[in-house]
Protein backbone atom coordinates (compact mmCIF):
# COMPACT_ATOMS: atom_id res chain seq x y z
CA UNK A 1 0.00 0.00 0.00
CA UNK A 2 2.90 2.36 0.69
CA UNK A 3 4.37 1.67 -2.73
CA UNK A 4 1.10 2.85 -4.24
CA UNK A 5 1.35 6.03 -2.14
CA UNK A 6 4.74 6.79 -3.72
CA UNK A 7 3.63 5.80 -7.22
CA UNK A 8 0.48 7.95 -7.38
CA UNK A 9 2.35 11.29 -7.72
CA UNK A 10 4.73 9.68 -10.22
CA UNK A 11 1.79 8.47 -12.30
CA UNK A 12 0.31 11.97 -12.21
CA UNK A 13 3.63 13.45 -13.34
CA UNK A 14 3.81 10.94 -16.23
CA UNK A 15 0.30 11.81 -17.43
CA UNK A 16 1.06 15.54 -17.26
CA UNK A 17 4.24 15.04 -19.29
CA UNK A 18 2.07 13.58 -22.09
CA UNK A 19 -0.30 16.57 -22.21
CA UNK A 20 -0.09 18.47 -25.53
CA UNK A 21 1.29 21.99 -25.29
CA UNK A 22 -1.99 23.46 -26.54
CA UNK A 23 -3.86 21.98 -23.52
CA UNK A 24 -2.00 23.50 -20.59
CA UNK A 25 -5.27 23.84 -18.66
CA UNK A 26 -5.35 20.05 -18.52
CA UNK A 27 -1.95 19.89 -16.77
CA UNK A 28 -3.29 21.80 -13.78
CA UNK A 29 -6.39 19.62 -13.55
CA UNK A 30 -4.35 16.43 -13.73
CA UNK A 31 -2.06 17.76 -11.00
CA UNK A 32 -5.08 18.49 -8.80
CA UNK A 33 -6.45 14.99 -9.42
CA UNK A 34 -3.07 13.37 -8.66
CA UNK A 35 -2.58 15.41 -5.47
CA UNK A 36 -6.16 14.78 -4.30
CA UNK A 37 -5.87 11.04 -5.01
CA UNK A 38 -2.60 10.82 -3.08
CA UNK A 39 -4.18 12.70 -0.17
CA UNK A 40 -7.16 10.37 -0.20
CA UNK A 41 -4.92 7.31 -0.30
CA UNK A 42 -2.86 8.57 2.66
CA UNK A 43 -6.05 9.10 4.66
CA UNK A 44 -7.18 5.59 3.76
CA UNK A 45 -3.85 4.26 5.08
CA UNK A 46 -4.87 5.74 8.43
CA UNK A 47 -7.84 3.37 8.52
CA UNK A 48 -5.42 0.44 8.28
CA UNK A 49 -3.14 1.86 11.00
CA UNK A 50 -3.47 0.69 14.61
CA UNK A 51 -2.55 3.62 16.94
CA UNK A 52 -2.14 1.30 19.93
CA UNK A 53 0.63 -0.65 18.20
CA UNK A 54 4.05 1.08 18.45
CA UNK A 55 5.67 -1.22 15.89
CA UNK A 56 6.30 -0.31 12.27
CA UNK A 57 3.10 -1.05 10.34
CA UNK A 58 2.22 -1.68 6.69
CA UNK A 59 5.79 -2.90 6.40
CA UNK A 60 7.07 -4.24 3.10
CA UNK A 61 10.59 -4.95 1.95
CA UNK A 62 12.22 -6.01 -1.30
CA UNK A 63 15.93 -6.71 -1.54
CA UNK A 64 17.57 -3.97 -3.52
CA UNK A 65 21.22 -5.01 -3.60
CA UNK A 66 22.04 -8.13 -1.54
CA UNK A 67 25.78 -7.56 -1.79
CA UNK A 68 25.46 -4.08 -0.27
CA UNK A 69 22.76 -5.07 2.19
CA UNK A 70 20.30 -2.47 0.91
CA UNK A 71 16.58 -2.98 0.43
CA UNK A 72 13.48 -1.14 -0.71
CA UNK A 73 11.86 -1.20 2.75
CA UNK A 74 8.81 0.88 3.60
CA UNK A 75 6.78 1.24 6.80
CA UNK A 76 5.05 3.82 8.98
CA UNK A 77 4.60 4.42 12.69
CA UNK A 78 3.13 7.12 14.91
CA UNK A 79 5.94 9.52 13.98
CA UNK A 80 5.72 9.17 10.21
CA UNK A 81 1.97 8.86 9.57
CA UNK A 82 1.09 12.43 10.70
CA UNK A 83 3.87 13.78 8.47
CA UNK A 84 2.62 11.72 5.51
CA UNK A 85 -0.82 13.28 6.00
CA UNK A 86 0.69 16.74 6.33
CA UNK A 87 2.80 16.34 3.17
CA UNK A 88 -0.07 15.12 1.00
CA UNK A 89 -2.37 17.87 2.27
CA UNK A 90 0.14 20.67 1.68
CA UNK A 91 1.00 19.42 -1.80
CA UNK A 92 -2.71 19.56 -2.66
CA UNK A 93 -2.88 23.10 -1.24
CA UNK A 94 0.25 24.08 -3.18
CA UNK A 95 -1.26 22.83 -6.45
CA UNK A 96 -4.49 24.66 -5.64
CA UNK A 97 -2.49 27.88 -5.03
CA UNK A 98 -0.50 27.58 -8.27
CA UNK A 99 -3.05 29.24 -10.53
CA UNK A 100 -0.69 32.16 -11.19
CA UNK A 101 1.87 29.89 -12.90
CA UNK A 102 1.66 30.73 -16.60
CA UNK A 103 5.09 29.71 -17.95
CA UNK A 104 6.39 26.15 -18.42
CA UNK A 105 3.23 24.86 -16.76
CA UNK A 106 3.83 21.19 -17.56
CA UNK A 107 7.35 21.19 -16.13
CA UNK A 108 6.18 23.01 -13.00
CA UNK A 109 3.50 20.46 -12.08
CA UNK A 110 5.70 17.50 -13.02
CA UNK A 111 8.43 18.76 -10.65
CA UNK A 112 5.89 19.42 -7.90
CA UNK A 113 4.59 15.85 -8.04
CA UNK A 114 8.11 14.38 -8.23
CA UNK A 115 8.93 16.37 -5.11
CA UNK A 116 5.88 14.93 -3.36
CA UNK A 117 6.93 11.36 -4.13
CA UNK A 118 10.46 11.98 -2.80
CA UNK A 119 9.18 13.62 0.42
CA UNK A 120 6.80 10.74 1.09
CA UNK A 121 9.66 8.32 0.49
CA UNK A 122 11.70 9.99 3.23
CA UNK A 123 8.88 9.56 5.75
CA UNK A 124 8.18 5.93 4.77
CA UNK A 125 11.72 4.54 4.28
CA UNK A 126 12.87 1.89 6.76
CA UNK A 127 16.30 1.43 5.18
CA UNK A 128 18.94 4.13 5.57
CA UNK A 129 20.19 3.77 1.98
CA UNK A 130 16.65 4.24 0.66
CA UNK A 131 16.16 7.13 3.06
CA UNK A 132 19.29 8.81 1.73
CA UNK A 133 18.24 8.32 -1.91
CA UNK A 134 14.85 9.93 -1.30
CA UNK A 135 16.51 12.68 0.77
CA UNK A 136 18.78 13.63 -2.13
CA UNK A 137 16.00 13.27 -4.71
CA UNK A 138 14.14 16.19 -3.13
CA UNK A 139 17.00 18.49 -4.18
CA UNK A 140 16.52 18.26 -7.94
CA UNK A 141 12.87 19.33 -8.21
CA UNK A 142 13.36 22.02 -5.57
CA UNK A 143 16.39 23.45 -7.33
CA UNK A 144 14.50 23.85 -10.60
CA UNK A 145 11.28 25.05 -8.94
CA UNK A 146 13.19 27.88 -7.27
CA UNK A 147 15.59 28.56 -10.15
CA UNK A 148 12.97 28.67 -12.92
CA UNK A 149 9.90 30.14 -11.23
CA UNK A 150 11.40 32.17 -8.38
CA UNK A 151 11.99 35.90 -7.93
CA UNK A 152 14.81 38.18 -9.05
CA UNK A 153 17.43 36.45 -6.88
CA UNK A 154 16.27 32.92 -7.69
CA UNK A 155 19.60 31.62 -9.05
CA UNK A 156 21.48 32.58 -5.89
CA UNK A 157 18.71 31.21 -3.67
CA UNK A 158 18.58 27.87 -5.52
CA UNK A 159 22.36 27.49 -5.47
CA UNK A 160 22.57 28.35 -1.76
CA UNK A 161 19.88 25.79 -0.96
CA UNK A 162 21.60 23.01 -2.90
CA UNK A 163 25.10 23.77 -1.58
CA UNK A 164 23.96 23.95 2.04
CA UNK A 165 22.00 20.71 1.75
CA UNK A 166 24.73 18.85 -0.14
CA UNK A 167 27.32 20.05 2.35
CA UNK A 168 25.27 18.71 5.24
CA UNK A 169 24.56 15.48 3.36
CA UNK A 170 28.29 14.73 3.17
CA UNK A 171 28.48 14.52 6.97
CA UNK A 172 25.31 12.44 7.07
CA UNK A 173 26.59 10.02 4.42
CA UNK A 174 29.92 9.47 6.21
CA UNK A 175 28.11 8.76 9.48
CA UNK A 176 25.76 6.30 7.76
CA UNK A 177 28.65 4.46 6.10
CA UNK A 178 30.40 4.02 9.46
CA UNK A 179 27.15 2.75 10.98
CA UNK A 180 26.69 0.41 8.01
CA UNK A 181 30.13 -1.06 8.65
CA UNK A 182 29.22 -1.67 12.30
CA UNK A 183 25.83 -3.28 11.56
CA UNK A 184 25.54 -7.09 11.77
CA UNK A 185 26.00 -8.50 8.27
CA UNK A 186 26.68 -5.02 6.86
CA UNK A 187 23.14 -3.86 6.30
CA UNK A 188 21.43 -0.49 5.91
CA UNK A 189 18.29 -1.75 7.66
CA UNK A 190 17.40 0.77 10.39
CA UNK A 191 16.85 -1.86 13.08
CA UNK A 192 20.12 -3.69 12.32
CA UNK A 193 22.08 -0.44 12.21
CA UNK A 194 20.73 0.41 15.65
CA UNK A 195 21.99 -2.96 16.93
CA UNK A 196 25.44 -2.36 15.48
CA UNK A 197 25.60 1.21 16.76
CA UNK A 198 25.08 -0.01 20.34
CA UNK A 199 28.39 -1.91 20.11
CA UNK A 200 30.41 1.19 19.23
CA UNK A 201 32.33 3.18 21.89
CA UNK A 202 30.40 6.15 23.28
CA UNK A 203 32.89 8.63 21.83
CA UNK A 204 32.40 7.19 18.34
CA UNK A 205 28.62 7.31 18.76
CA UNK A 206 28.82 10.98 19.73
CA UNK A 207 30.91 11.84 16.65
CA UNK A 208 28.52 9.96 14.39
CA UNK A 209 25.51 11.67 15.95
CA UNK A 210 27.14 15.05 15.37
CA UNK A 211 27.56 14.14 11.70
CA UNK A 212 23.85 13.28 11.46
CA UNK A 213 22.99 16.44 13.40
CA UNK A 214 24.76 18.58 10.80
CA UNK A 215 23.05 16.79 7.92
CA UNK A 216 19.57 17.01 9.39
CA UNK A 217 20.18 20.36 11.09
CA UNK A 218 20.77 22.11 7.74
CA UNK A 219 17.34 21.06 6.48
CA UNK A 220 15.58 21.70 9.81
CA UNK A 221 17.23 24.34 10.04
CA UNK A 222 19.17 24.87 13.29
CA UNK A 223 21.10 28.07 13.93
CA UNK A 224 23.87 28.51 12.64
CA UNK A 225 23.01 26.16 9.72
CA UNK A 226 20.06 28.26 8.58
CA UNK A 227 21.73 30.57 6.06
CA UNK A 228 19.90 29.16 3.02
CA UNK A 229 16.37 29.44 4.43
CA UNK A 230 15.47 33.17 4.35
CA UNK A 231 16.74 33.69 0.80
CA UNK A 232 15.12 30.49 -0.51
CA UNK A 233 11.76 31.37 1.03
CA UNK A 234 11.81 34.95 -0.24
CA UNK A 235 12.74 34.01 -3.82
CA UNK A 236 10.75 30.77 -4.19
CA UNK A 237 7.25 30.94 -5.66
CA UNK A 238 4.73 30.96 -2.82
CA UNK A 239 3.36 27.43 -3.45
CA UNK A 240 6.93 26.13 -3.23
CA UNK A 241 7.48 28.13 -0.02
CA UNK A 242 4.46 26.31 1.43
CA UNK A 243 6.23 23.00 0.84
CA UNK A 244 9.67 24.27 1.87
CA UNK A 245 8.46 25.43 5.27
CA UNK A 246 5.52 23.08 5.75
CA UNK A 247 7.19 19.80 4.78
CA UNK A 248 10.90 20.09 3.91
CA UNK A 249 11.85 21.43 7.35
CA UNK A 250 10.02 18.48 8.91
CA UNK A 251 12.25 16.09 6.99
CA UNK A 252 15.19 17.40 9.03
CA UNK A 253 13.48 17.04 12.39
CA UNK A 254 12.07 13.62 11.43
CA UNK A 255 15.56 12.45 10.47
CA UNK A 256 16.90 13.71 13.79
CA UNK A 257 14.26 11.68 15.64
CA UNK A 258 15.45 8.58 13.77
CA UNK A 259 19.07 9.49 14.52
CA UNK A 260 18.37 9.73 18.27
CA UNK A 261 16.66 6.34 18.13
CA UNK A 262 19.68 4.87 16.34
CA UNK A 263 22.24 6.43 18.72
CA UNK A 264 20.41 6.92 22.03
CA UNK A 265 23.57 7.09 24.11
CA UNK A 266 24.98 9.89 21.99
CA UNK A 267 21.67 11.77 22.03
CA UNK A 268 21.63 11.59 25.82
CA UNK A 269 25.26 12.70 26.07
CA UNK A 270 24.52 15.71 23.83
CA UNK A 271 21.26 16.75 25.49
CA UNK A 272 22.78 19.97 26.79
CA UNK A 273 24.11 20.94 23.36
CA UNK A 274 20.75 20.18 21.71
CA UNK A 275 18.92 22.24 24.32
CA UNK A 276 21.29 25.20 23.82
CA UNK A 277 20.92 25.05 20.04
CA UNK A 278 17.14 24.86 20.41
CA UNK A 279 16.89 27.89 22.68
CA UNK A 280 19.25 29.92 20.47
CA UNK A 281 17.15 29.03 17.42
CA UNK A 282 13.92 29.89 19.22
CA UNK A 283 15.08 33.33 20.39
CA UNK A 284 17.21 34.21 17.36
CA UNK A 285 14.50 33.33 14.85
CA UNK A 286 11.87 35.25 16.78
CA UNK A 287 13.99 38.40 17.13
CA UNK A 288 14.89 38.43 13.43
CA UNK A 289 11.26 37.88 12.45
CA UNK A 290 10.36 40.86 14.64
CA UNK A 291 12.80 43.09 12.71
CA UNK A 292 11.58 42.21 9.21
CA UNK A 293 9.50 44.43 6.96
CA UNK A 294 9.36 41.85 4.17
CA UNK A 295 6.41 39.60 5.04
CA UNK A 296 7.93 36.50 3.46
CA UNK A 297 11.22 37.00 5.30
CA UNK A 298 9.27 37.46 8.53
CA UNK A 299 7.49 34.13 8.12
CA UNK A 300 10.77 32.46 7.11
CA UNK A 301 12.59 33.60 10.27
CA UNK A 302 9.60 32.68 12.43
CA UNK A 303 9.94 29.15 11.04
CA UNK A 304 13.42 28.94 12.57
CA UNK A 305 11.90 29.83 15.92
CA UNK A 306 9.08 27.31 15.60
CA UNK A 307 11.43 24.51 14.58
CA UNK A 308 13.56 25.35 17.60
CA UNK A 309 10.59 24.20 19.71
CA UNK A 310 10.72 20.88 17.83
CA UNK A 311 14.42 20.51 18.63
CA UNK A 312 13.80 21.39 22.27
CA UNK A 313 11.12 18.72 22.58
CA UNK A 314 13.37 16.17 20.94
CA UNK A 315 16.31 17.12 23.18
CA UNK A 316 14.23 16.44 26.30
CA UNK A 317 14.10 12.73 25.36
CA UNK A 318 10.96 12.20 27.44
CA UNK A 319 7.34 11.54 26.61
CA UNK A 320 6.14 15.14 26.91
CA UNK A 321 9.06 16.47 24.88
CA UNK A 322 8.71 14.02 22.00
CA UNK A 323 4.96 14.58 21.93
CA UNK A 324 5.71 18.31 21.66
CA UNK A 325 8.10 17.67 18.75
CA UNK A 326 5.47 15.81 16.71
CA UNK A 327 2.68 18.24 17.59
CA UNK A 328 4.83 21.25 16.70
CA UNK A 329 5.81 19.74 13.36
CA UNK A 330 2.15 19.35 12.42
CA UNK A 331 1.13 22.71 13.94
CA UNK A 332 3.88 24.58 12.13
CA UNK A 333 2.96 22.87 8.87
CA UNK A 334 -0.54 24.33 9.09
CA UNK A 335 0.61 27.78 10.24
CA UNK A 336 3.51 28.22 7.82
CA UNK A 337 1.43 26.85 4.97
CA UNK A 338 -1.37 29.34 5.67
CA UNK A 339 0.96 32.33 6.06
CA UNK A 340 3.01 31.63 2.93
CA UNK A 341 -0.17 31.00 0.98
CA UNK A 342 -1.74 34.30 2.06
CA UNK A 343 1.44 36.37 1.68
CA UNK A 344 1.90 34.91 -1.79
CA UNK A 345 -1.65 35.74 -2.80
CA UNK A 346 -1.17 39.30 -1.54
CA UNK A 347 2.08 39.66 -3.48
CA UNK A 348 0.39 38.48 -6.68
CA UNK A 349 -2.10 41.34 -6.29
CA UNK A 350 0.24 44.12 -5.10
CA UNK A 351 3.76 43.07 -6.26
CA UNK A 352 5.17 44.18 -2.92
CA UNK A 353 5.86 42.41 0.36
CA UNK A 354 6.91 45.51 2.31
CA UNK A 355 4.70 45.86 5.38
CA UNK A 356 4.91 49.64 5.16
CA UNK A 357 3.03 49.57 1.84
CA UNK A 358 -0.14 48.20 3.44
CA UNK A 359 -2.77 50.03 5.43
CA UNK A 360 -6.36 49.26 6.39
CA UNK A 361 -6.57 46.35 3.98
CA UNK A 362 -9.54 45.16 6.02
CA UNK A 363 -11.61 47.75 4.14
CA UNK A 364 -10.54 46.34 0.77
CA UNK A 365 -9.91 42.61 1.42
CA UNK A 366 -11.87 41.64 4.55
CA UNK A 367 -11.73 37.91 3.88
CA UNK A 368 -7.96 38.03 3.38
CA UNK A 369 -7.40 40.01 6.60
CA UNK A 370 -9.66 37.61 8.52
CA UNK A 371 -7.57 34.58 7.57
CA UNK A 372 -4.25 36.39 8.09
CA UNK A 373 -5.37 37.32 11.59
CA UNK A 374 -6.32 33.71 12.34
CA UNK A 375 -2.98 32.49 10.98
CA UNK A 376 -0.98 34.88 13.17
CA UNK A 377 -3.04 33.92 16.21
CA UNK A 378 -2.08 30.32 15.49
CA UNK A 379 1.56 31.32 14.94
CA UNK A 380 1.71 32.92 18.39
CA UNK A 381 0.47 29.67 19.93
CA UNK A 382 -2.60 31.09 21.61
CA UNK A 383 -4.84 28.68 23.58
CA UNK A 384 -7.19 26.93 21.21
CA UNK A 385 -4.52 26.41 18.55
CA UNK A 386 -2.28 23.44 17.80
CA UNK A 387 0.79 25.54 18.59
CA UNK A 388 -0.37 26.00 22.16
CA UNK A 389 -0.67 22.23 22.67
CA UNK A 390 2.84 21.73 21.28
CA UNK A 391 4.47 24.52 23.29
CA UNK A 392 2.76 23.41 26.50
CA UNK A 393 4.17 19.89 26.08
CA UNK A 394 7.57 21.39 25.28
CA UNK A 395 7.47 23.43 28.50
CA UNK A 396 6.49 20.37 30.54
CA UNK A 397 9.11 18.12 28.95
CA UNK A 398 11.81 20.79 29.08
CA UNK A 399 11.10 21.76 32.68
CA UNK A 400 11.38 18.10 33.72
CA UNK A 401 14.91 18.07 32.25
CA UNK A 402 16.29 21.58 32.73
CA UNK A 403 14.00 23.48 35.07
CA UNK A 404 14.11 27.28 34.95
CA UNK A 405 15.91 27.43 31.59
CA UNK A 406 12.46 27.09 30.07
CA UNK A 407 11.82 30.75 30.89
CA UNK A 408 13.64 31.51 27.62
CA UNK A 409 11.02 29.50 25.74
CA UNK A 410 8.31 31.62 27.35
CA UNK A 411 10.00 34.78 26.02
CA UNK A 412 9.40 33.63 22.46
CA UNK A 413 5.65 33.91 22.99
CA UNK A 414 6.13 37.62 23.73
CA UNK A 415 8.38 38.07 20.66
CA UNK A 416 5.92 36.22 18.43
CA UNK A 417 3.06 38.32 19.76
CA UNK A 418 5.05 41.50 19.01
CA UNK A 419 5.50 40.87 15.29
CA UNK A 420 2.03 39.35 14.93
CA UNK A 421 0.38 42.42 16.49
CA UNK A 422 2.53 44.69 14.28
CA UNK A 423 1.36 42.96 11.09
CA UNK A 424 -2.29 42.67 12.08
CA UNK A 425 -2.33 46.28 13.30
CA UNK A 426 -0.95 47.44 9.97
CA UNK A 427 -3.69 45.57 8.12
CA UNK A 428 -6.42 47.17 10.23
CA UNK A 429 -5.07 50.69 10.79
CA UNK A 430 -3.78 53.62 8.76
CA UNK A 431 -4.94 55.13 5.47
CA UNK A 432 -5.70 52.94 2.48
CA UNK A 433 -3.05 53.38 -0.18
CA UNK A 434 -4.37 54.54 -3.56
CA UNK A 435 -2.77 51.51 -5.28
CA UNK A 436 -4.52 49.13 -2.85
CA UNK A 437 -8.08 50.40 -3.18
CA UNK A 438 -9.20 48.08 -5.97
CA UNK A 439 -7.55 44.83 -4.93
CA UNK A 440 -9.71 41.73 -5.41
CA UNK A 441 -10.42 39.69 -2.28
CA UNK A 442 -9.85 35.94 -2.00
CA UNK A 443 -11.70 33.87 -4.59
CA UNK A 444 -13.36 30.53 -3.97
CA UNK A 445 -10.32 28.26 -4.43
CA UNK A 446 -8.13 30.61 -2.37
CA UNK A 447 -10.76 30.68 0.38
CA UNK A 448 -10.85 26.89 0.36
CA UNK A 449 -7.07 26.58 0.70
CA UNK A 450 -6.79 29.21 3.45
CA UNK A 451 -9.83 27.83 5.26
CA UNK A 452 -8.51 24.26 5.33
CA UNK A 453 -5.14 25.28 6.79
CA UNK A 454 -6.46 27.68 9.45
CA UNK A 455 -9.29 25.32 10.39
CA UNK A 456 -6.77 22.50 10.78
CA UNK A 457 -4.70 24.50 13.24
CA UNK A 458 -7.70 25.41 15.38
CA UNK A 459 -9.26 21.95 15.14
CA UNK A 460 -6.07 20.35 16.51
CA UNK A 461 -5.89 23.00 19.22
CA UNK A 462 -9.47 22.51 20.38
CA UNK A 463 -9.54 18.75 19.92
CA UNK A 464 -5.96 17.37 20.02
CA UNK A 465 -7.01 13.96 21.37
CA UNK A 466 -6.96 12.00 18.06
CA UNK A 467 -3.46 13.14 17.12
CA UNK A 468 -2.14 12.63 20.67
CA UNK A 469 -3.57 9.08 20.67
CA UNK A 470 -2.05 8.44 17.26
CA UNK A 471 1.49 9.27 18.43
CA UNK A 472 1.30 8.18 22.08
CA UNK A 473 2.18 4.50 21.62
CA UNK A 474 5.14 5.24 19.36
CA UNK A 475 6.36 8.03 21.65
CA UNK A 476 6.15 5.81 24.75
CA UNK A 477 7.93 2.94 22.99
CA UNK A 478 10.58 5.36 21.76
CA UNK A 479 11.28 6.80 25.20
CA UNK A 480 11.56 3.30 26.67
CA UNK A 481 14.10 2.28 24.03
CA UNK A 482 16.24 5.37 24.50
CA UNK A 483 15.92 5.30 28.27
CA UNK A 484 14.02 8.60 28.49
């Protein structure tokens, strides 16, 4: 069933590639059908998933290269299933928000669906060699999506993204090869590599974990490995920014969860370092977001802060902390997706992202301002939103490990509120600019996309029980295995 999940976007990309050039309207419709079918299939997988079972489910494996010990192994658990749902939903939203794409339409949708297949492969892979292949495959479509359809600085942004990610991948690959050599029978199977890693000296485990931390930390991103993110987000087309922030960053944190499971002794030895990096990312990202006038750059820097909460929860290595990490990944996917969607739609209408150019847009675009306000409320982590549930668990898990240091996490709520109030206040107050008086409000498809993302954030905040039950068994099993 998981193979079908990966093949559905590929089939959609193949059909789009066969569309005649005179029928470009058909490419968009096929992309919508492919994305919707993949989303539906992922939801159907949830019906076959048992939340009370912490083991890997829907597992299938086919020997890839017996001499190398690699296999095409797929499976999901309570960590990966929510991210599979998030990825398929955001790809559908990204396709829905791509109506402004008018050039090289076929290539655009083909690359978008290829990217979806690679992202889903990362979340489903149960073999480190397969994981690495899917990880690297995400680079090609993203490079061209930014380089061909991005803004004025798209070439620099695309090159920075690829160089940062490839540089981090070198450290990850070296660490995986050493772990492969230590695994019984020289295998890339995740379970066997964990067995072999336990036999290594603690110092070696720490070095290997640091290599994986660099590789995954670039994509997450962790300060100071974040240099590619603001430029890539600003220059990428808005639908691609939705996927960059909503899904690609989660690949890094998901990989780090798997790394801690593989090398639990090293993760425990480096808890202090992980906590320090998390708090620096949380505060640094929030302060820089506060200083931005470019709306896209503001959302990009806020993503660094939000992903710092994920790292903090993971660093706690306890049930509350890991629950916070998963909840924050999902919560940030909804929030970042909604904000990049809305900022992109505003830019298409005004051709400016400078906050100073806006004033009293509520008089011109009331529906737009309504959803932006909801999205910023969710970004702050107010009670009733998914972000609040995640940050509360992070506070509980962090306080159990480090006590009063968690005051720094509380400061980020104030920083987030500062830039959120500044943006919302600008949209409600001040004179209406002459160039903004005739802007069209959100249309039906844009309302649908914005409504789904904001409703998802509030639904998880008001009724988090289903998601918490989905991840609880895997989180508990995980903490037992790592001694948390």
